[in-house]
Amino acid sequence: MKRHLKIARMWVLVLLLAVAFSAAHAQDTSSIKTALESKEFVFKAETALPTSGAARHLTGENYVVRVSGDSLVSYLPYLGRAYVAPVGSEAGIKFTSTRFDYVVKGRRKGGWDVVLRPKDVSTVRELDLTIGDDGYASLRTLSNDRQPISFNGTVQALK
């Protein structure tokens, strides 16, 4: 009888943890959705995936794309082939834009697609974000004078 009671307690504990986890997950999903609708979020890159070559893990929290109201700030590294040499000492995907198109679409099986098209930056044509319900995201950059590069990371609401 004691054995059955222990097993029942264990199952109750597992169910309570599952309910708590799903409530926390639903809260994260709603905060991401609110952040995307209000244009107040940051993408933190963790892995760079160049078109040719091996994936590279990025250290630190410095590599970000931040959307804050009417500004788009990108500070990402670039690994790949450039068709035109960069002007100055900036070699990454580093820019600030105040004129950009912003489109958010929901995905069928959850998550969102966000398309960012800066109009006042000559080197970057488009940033495509695919965001899951859990906040994990993939960013693909299309450039006018470089091979495409992708990044994996997370999306969080700005505080």
Protein backbone atom coordinates (compact mmCIF):
# COMPACT_ATOMS: atom_id res chain seq x y z
CA MET A 1 0.00 0.00 0.00
CA LYS A 2 2.87 2.39 0.85
CA ARG A 3 4.43 1.69 -2.51
CA HIS A 4 1.23 2.70 -4.35
CA LEU A 5 1.03 5.87 -2.29
CA LYS A 6 4.63 6.81 -3.23
CA ILE A 7 3.91 6.21 -6.90
CA ALA A 8 0.73 8.31 -6.72
CA ARG A 9 2.63 11.16 -5.04
CA MET A 10 5.31 10.98 -7.71
CA TRP A 11 2.71 11.23 -10.49
CA VAL A 12 1.03 14.19 -8.79
CA LEU A 13 4.41 15.94 -8.58
CA VAL A 14 5.12 15.22 -12.27
CA LEU A 15 1.70 16.58 -13.27
CA LEU A 16 2.18 19.74 -11.21
CA LEU A 17 5.58 20.35 -12.82
CA ALA A 18 4.09 19.81 -16.29
CA VAL A 19 1.29 22.31 -15.60
CA ALA A 20 3.76 24.86 -14.22
CA PHE A 21 6.03 24.44 -17.25
CA SER A 22 3.17 24.85 -19.74
CA ALA A 23 1.96 28.00 -17.94
CA ALA A 24 5.46 29.49 -18.08
CA HIS A 25 5.72 28.51 -21.75
CA ALA A 26 2.40 30.20 -22.56
CA GLN A 27 3.57 33.34 -20.80
CA ASP A 28 6.80 33.39 -22.86
CA THR A 29 4.83 32.95 -26.09
CA SER A 30 2.54 35.86 -25.28
CA SER A 31 5.48 38.11 -24.33
CA ILE A 32 7.25 37.30 -27.61
CA LYS A 33 4.06 37.98 -29.58
CA THR A 34 3.57 41.32 -27.79
CA ALA A 35 7.21 42.27 -28.41
CA LEU A 36 6.92 41.47 -32.12
CA GLU A 37 3.70 43.46 -32.48
CA SER A 38 5.17 46.48 -30.68
CA LYS A 39 8.54 46.29 -32.47
CA GLU A 40 10.44 45.97 -29.19
CA PHE A 41 12.68 42.89 -29.28
CA VAL A 42 16.25 41.72 -29.61
CA PHE A 43 17.69 38.71 -31.46
CA LYS A 44 20.80 37.35 -29.73
CA ALA A 45 22.98 35.31 -32.08
CA GLU A 46 24.59 32.18 -30.65
CA THR A 47 25.78 30.34 -33.77
CA ALA A 48 26.92 31.62 -37.18
CA LEU A 49 26.20 29.41 -40.20
CA PRO A 50 28.13 30.69 -43.24
CA THR A 51 27.13 29.53 -46.72
CA SER A 52 30.45 27.73 -47.10
CA GLY A 53 32.42 26.47 -44.16
CA ALA A 54 31.68 25.11 -40.73
CA ALA A 55 29.25 26.54 -38.20
CA ARG A 56 30.85 28.68 -35.52
CA HIS A 57 29.68 29.19 -31.97
CA LEU A 58 29.64 32.87 -31.02
CA THR A 59 30.82 33.76 -27.53
CA GLY A 60 29.40 36.58 -25.47
CA GLU A 61 26.13 38.45 -25.81
CA ASN A 62 27.46 41.16 -28.10
CA TYR A 63 26.11 39.85 -31.40
CA VAL A 64 22.56 41.15 -31.69
CA VAL A 65 19.89 42.58 -33.94
CA ARG A 66 17.74 45.02 -31.98
CA VAL A 67 14.40 46.41 -33.14
CA SER A 68 13.29 49.28 -30.94
CA GLY A 69 10.33 51.24 -32.26
CA ASP A 70 11.60 53.12 -35.28
CA SER A 71 15.23 51.93 -35.20
CA LEU A 72 16.93 48.76 -36.36
CA VAL A 73 20.44 48.09 -35.06
CA SER A 74 22.56 45.18 -36.26
CA TYR A 75 25.87 44.13 -34.75
CA LEU A 76 26.74 40.74 -36.25
CA PRO A 77 29.95 39.17 -37.53
CA TYR A 78 30.34 38.16 -41.15
CA LEU A 79 31.97 34.90 -42.25
CA GLY A 80 31.95 34.20 -45.96
CA ARG A 81 32.80 35.57 -49.36
CA ALA A 82 32.46 39.27 -50.03
CA TYR A 83 32.20 40.33 -53.66
CA VAL A 84 33.17 43.91 -52.83
CA ALA A 85 35.77 44.88 -50.22
CA PRO A 86 34.28 46.62 -47.15
CA VAL A 87 34.88 50.36 -46.88
CA GLY A 88 36.67 51.37 -43.69
CA SER A 89 37.40 49.00 -40.86
CA GLU A 90 33.88 47.59 -40.37
CA ALA A 91 33.85 44.04 -41.67
CA GLY A 92 30.71 42.60 -40.06
CA ILE A 93 27.02 43.21 -40.58
CA LYS A 94 26.99 46.39 -38.51
CA PHE A 95 24.52 49.18 -39.18
CA THR A 96 21.79 51.35 -37.74
CA SER A 97 18.66 52.02 -39.76
CA THR A 98 15.74 54.33 -39.08
CA ARG A 99 13.93 53.67 -42.36
CA PHE A 100 12.99 50.03 -42.78
CA ASP A 101 10.05 47.84 -43.77
CA TYR A 102 8.77 45.56 -41.03
CA VAL A 103 6.43 42.62 -41.73
CA VAL A 104 5.30 40.01 -39.18
CA LYS A 105 3.37 36.89 -40.22
CA GLY A 106 2.16 34.04 -38.04
CA ARG A 107 3.16 30.52 -39.05
CA ARG A 108 0.64 27.70 -39.42
CA LYS A 109 2.13 25.46 -36.77
CA GLY A 110 3.10 28.23 -34.36
CA GLY A 111 5.78 30.86 -34.37
CA TRP A 112 6.34 33.87 -36.59
CA ASP A 113 8.18 35.07 -39.68
CA VAL A 114 9.59 38.59 -39.48
CA VAL A 115 11.02 40.35 -42.54
CA LEU A 116 13.16 43.46 -42.09
CA ARG A 117 14.20 45.48 -45.15
CA PRO A 118 16.42 48.47 -44.36
CA LYS A 119 16.00 51.29 -46.90
CA ASP A 120 18.86 53.51 -45.77
CA VAL A 121 21.61 50.85 -45.70
CA SER A 122 23.33 50.00 -48.98
CA THR A 123 25.02 46.74 -47.98
CA VAL A 124 22.12 44.75 -46.49
CA ARG A 125 19.01 44.00 -48.51
CA GLU A 126 16.96 41.88 -46.11
CA LEU A 127 16.95 40.18 -42.72
CA ASP A 128 14.59 37.20 -42.40
CA LEU A 129 13.77 35.97 -38.89
CA THR A 130 11.97 32.69 -38.25
CA ILE A 131 10.89 32.55 -34.62
CA GLY A 132 9.45 29.57 -32.77
CA ASP A 133 6.93 29.72 -29.93
CA ASP A 134 9.73 28.97 -27.49
CA GLY A 135 11.80 32.01 -28.53
CA TYR A 136 14.45 30.14 -30.51
CA ALA A 137 15.04 31.81 -33.84
CA SER A 138 16.95 31.64 -37.09
CA LEU A 139 18.12 34.79 -38.88
CA ARG A 140 19.09 34.82 -42.55
CA THR A 141 20.79 37.89 -43.98
CA LEU A 142 20.74 38.78 -47.66
CA SER A 143 23.30 41.27 -48.85
CA ASN A 144 23.97 43.09 -52.10
CA ASP A 145 27.69 42.35 -52.13
CA ARG A 146 28.19 39.25 -49.95
CA GLN A 147 27.15 35.62 -49.74
CA PRO A 148 24.14 34.99 -47.47
CA ILE A 149 24.81 33.98 -43.89
CA SER A 150 22.48 32.58 -41.22
CA PHE A 151 22.51 32.78 -37.45
CA ASN A 152 20.76 30.74 -34.77
CA GLY A 153 19.85 32.28 -31.46
CA THR A 154 17.00 33.53 -29.31
CA VAL A 155 14.47 36.36 -29.44
CA GLN A 156 13.57 38.24 -26.27
CA ALA A 157 11.38 41.22 -25.50
CA LEU A 158 13.21 44.43 -24.69
CA LYS A 159 12.90 45.46 -21.08
